[in-house]
Amino acid sequence: MSTAQGERYATILVADDDRSIRTVLHQAMARLGHQVQVTGNVATLRNWVEQGAGDLLITDVMFPDGVMRWIFCPASERRAPTCR
């Protein structure tokens, strides 16, 4: 998204299982004019990433429903057992 002055705002994905962290990050980024999507689980984040959503990802690494190890693998290798 761009403003009349040419500034570019991002779509930011925030993933953390701690609701208070998600809330603070959402509020801070939204106040700056960014679009913000938040989730507390790995399944939703994985779906967003596979769809190519977002310009920036702010994420925790450990979630109750999984570990974010796969996010550090190249997209071409994300389905490999070592990236799960």
C-alpha atoms as a PDB file:
ATOM      1  CA  MET A   1       0.000   0.000   0.000  1.00  0.00           C
ATOM      2  CA  SER A   2       1.321   3.504  -0.769  1.00  0.00           C
ATOM      3  CA  THR A   3       0.372   6.925   0.506  1.00  0.00           C
ATOM      4  CA  ALA A   4       0.037  10.165  -1.430  1.00  0.00           C
ATOM      5  CA  GLN A   5       3.586  11.071  -0.321  1.00  0.00           C
ATOM      6  CA  GLY A   6       4.896   7.830  -1.794  1.00  0.00           C
ATOM      7  CA  GLU A   7       5.487   6.097   1.544  1.00  0.00           C
ATOM      8  CA  ARG A   8       5.005   2.366   1.391  1.00  0.00           C
ATOM      9  CA  TYR A   9       3.178   0.523   4.127  1.00  0.00           C
ATOM     10  CA  ALA A  10       3.654  -3.201   4.610  1.00  0.00           C
ATOM     11  CA  THR A  11       1.398  -6.116   5.307  1.00  0.00           C
ATOM     12  CA  ILE A  12       2.909  -7.572   8.460  1.00  0.00           C
ATOM     13  CA  LEU A  13       2.262 -11.105   9.673  1.00  0.00           C
ATOM     14  CA  VAL A  14       2.551 -11.549  13.442  1.00  0.00           C
ATOM     15  CA  ALA A  15       2.642 -15.059  14.860  1.00  0.00           C
ATOM     16  CA  ASP A  16       2.966 -15.685  18.582  1.00  0.00           C
ATOM     17  CA  ASP A  17       1.121 -17.957  20.976  1.00  0.00           C
ATOM     18  CA  ASP A  18       1.123 -15.172  23.595  1.00  0.00           C
ATOM     19  CA  ARG A  19      -1.985 -13.063  23.044  1.00  0.00           C
ATOM     20  CA  SER A  20      -0.513  -9.994  24.777  1.00  0.00           C
ATOM     21  CA  ILE A  21       2.511  -9.967  22.451  1.00  0.00           C
ATOM     22  CA  ARG A  22       0.246 -10.304  19.401  1.00  0.00           C
ATOM     23  CA  THR A  23      -1.898  -7.434  20.668  1.00  0.00           C
ATOM     24  CA  VAL A  24       1.006  -5.065  21.378  1.00  0.00           C
ATOM     25  CA  LEU A  25       2.658  -5.762  18.020  1.00  0.00           C
ATOM     26  CA  HIS A  26      -0.642  -5.386  16.173  1.00  0.00           C
ATOM     27  CA  GLN A  27      -1.403  -2.059  17.822  1.00  0.00           C
ATOM     28  CA  ALA A  28       2.111  -0.669  17.264  1.00  0.00           C
ATOM     29  CA  MET A  29       2.299  -1.655  13.593  1.00  0.00           C
ATOM     30  CA  ALA A  30      -1.283  -0.568  12.844  1.00  0.00           C
ATOM     31  CA  ARG A  31      -0.634   2.862  14.390  1.00  0.00           C
ATOM     32  CA  LEU A  32       2.200   3.270  11.898  1.00  0.00           C
ATOM     33  CA  GLY A  33      -0.267   2.580   9.083  1.00  0.00           C
ATOM     34  CA  HIS A  34       0.635  -1.019   8.291  1.00  0.00           C
ATOM     35  CA  GLN A  35      -1.864  -3.776   7.637  1.00  0.00           C
ATOM     36  CA  VAL A  36      -1.392  -6.446  10.290  1.00  0.00           C
ATOM     37  CA  GLN A  37      -2.547 -10.064  10.391  1.00  0.00           C
ATOM     38  CA  VAL A  38      -2.117 -11.981  13.649  1.00  0.00           C
ATOM     39  CA  THR A  39      -2.259 -15.654  14.554  1.00  0.00           C
ATOM     40  CA  GLY A  40      -1.468 -17.810  17.542  1.00  0.00           C
ATOM     41  CA  ASN A  41      -0.848 -21.071  15.733  1.00  0.00           C
ATOM     42  CA  VAL A  42       1.554 -22.666  13.281  1.00  0.00           C
ATOM     43  CA  ALA A  43      -1.124 -24.006  10.922  1.00  0.00           C
ATOM     44  CA  THR A  44      -2.443 -20.554  10.046  1.00  0.00           C
ATOM     45  CA  LEU A  45       1.038 -19.108   9.666  1.00  0.00           C
ATOM     46  CA  ARG A  46       2.108 -21.963   7.406  1.00  0.00           C
ATOM     47  CA  ASN A  47      -0.974 -21.331   5.239  1.00  0.00           C
ATOM     48  CA  TRP A  48      -0.165 -17.613   4.976  1.00  0.00           C
ATOM     49  CA  VAL A  49       3.474 -18.287   4.057  1.00  0.00           C
ATOM     50  CA  GLU A  50       2.545 -20.900   1.450  1.00  0.00           C
ATOM     51  CA  GLN A  51       0.116 -18.391  -0.107  1.00  0.00           C
ATOM     52  CA  GLY A  52       2.838 -15.747  -0.214  1.00  0.00           C
ATOM     53  CA  ALA A  53       0.965 -13.445   2.143  1.00  0.00           C
ATOM     54  CA  GLY A  54       2.669 -10.541   3.840  1.00  0.00           C
ATOM     55  CA  ASP A  55       5.731  -8.414   3.323  1.00  0.00           C
ATOM     56  CA  LEU A  56       7.258  -9.007   6.757  1.00  0.00           C
ATOM     57  CA  LEU A  57       6.977 -11.788   9.323  1.00  0.00           C
ATOM     58  CA  ILE A  58       7.429 -11.305  13.053  1.00  0.00           C
ATOM     59  CA  THR A  59       7.241 -14.687  14.750  1.00  0.00           C
ATOM     60  CA  ASP A  60       7.913 -16.676  17.860  1.00  0.00           C
ATOM     61  CA  VAL A  61       9.707 -19.986  17.306  1.00  0.00           C
ATOM     62  CA  MET A  62       8.048 -22.344  19.802  1.00  0.00           C
ATOM     63  CA  PHE A  63       4.277 -22.879  19.610  1.00  0.00           C
ATOM     64  CA  PRO A  64       2.039 -25.401  21.382  1.00  0.00           C
ATOM     65  CA  ASP A  65       1.113 -26.877  17.973  1.00  0.00           C
ATOM     66  CA  GLY A  66       4.626 -27.022  16.515  1.00  0.00           C
ATOM     67  CA  VAL A  67       8.110 -25.634  16.167  1.00  0.00           C
ATOM     68  CA  MET A  68       8.851 -23.055  13.487  1.00  0.00           C
ATOM     69  CA  ARG A  69      11.922 -24.894  12.146  1.00  0.00           C
ATOM     70  CA  TRP A  70      10.351 -25.084   8.643  1.00  0.00           C
ATOM     71  CA  ILE A  71      10.249 -21.307   8.244  1.00  0.00           C
ATOM     72  CA  PHE A  72      14.045 -21.243   7.967  1.00  0.00           C
ATOM     73  CA  CYS A  73      14.146 -23.732   5.092  1.00  0.00           C
ATOM     74  CA  PRO A  74      14.147 -22.589   1.467  1.00  0.00           C
ATOM     75  CA  ALA A  75      10.664 -22.724  -0.042  1.00  0.00           C
ATOM     76  CA  SER A  76      11.703 -25.549  -2.377  1.00  0.00           C
ATOM     77  CA  GLU A  77      12.609 -27.745   0.619  1.00  0.00           C
ATOM     78  CA  ARG A  78       9.767 -26.952   3.045  1.00  0.00           C
ATOM     79  CA  ARG A  79       8.012 -30.274   2.437  1.00  0.00           C
ATOM     80  CA  ALA A  80      11.150 -32.270   3.289  1.00  0.00           C
ATOM     81  CA  PRO A  81      11.014 -34.203   6.593  1.00  0.00           C
ATOM     82  CA  THR A  82      13.957 -32.201   7.959  1.00  0.00           C
ATOM     83  CA  CYS A  83      11.957 -28.978   7.587  1.00  0.00           C
ATOM     84  CA  ARG A  84       8.834 -30.103   9.414  1.00  0.00           C
END
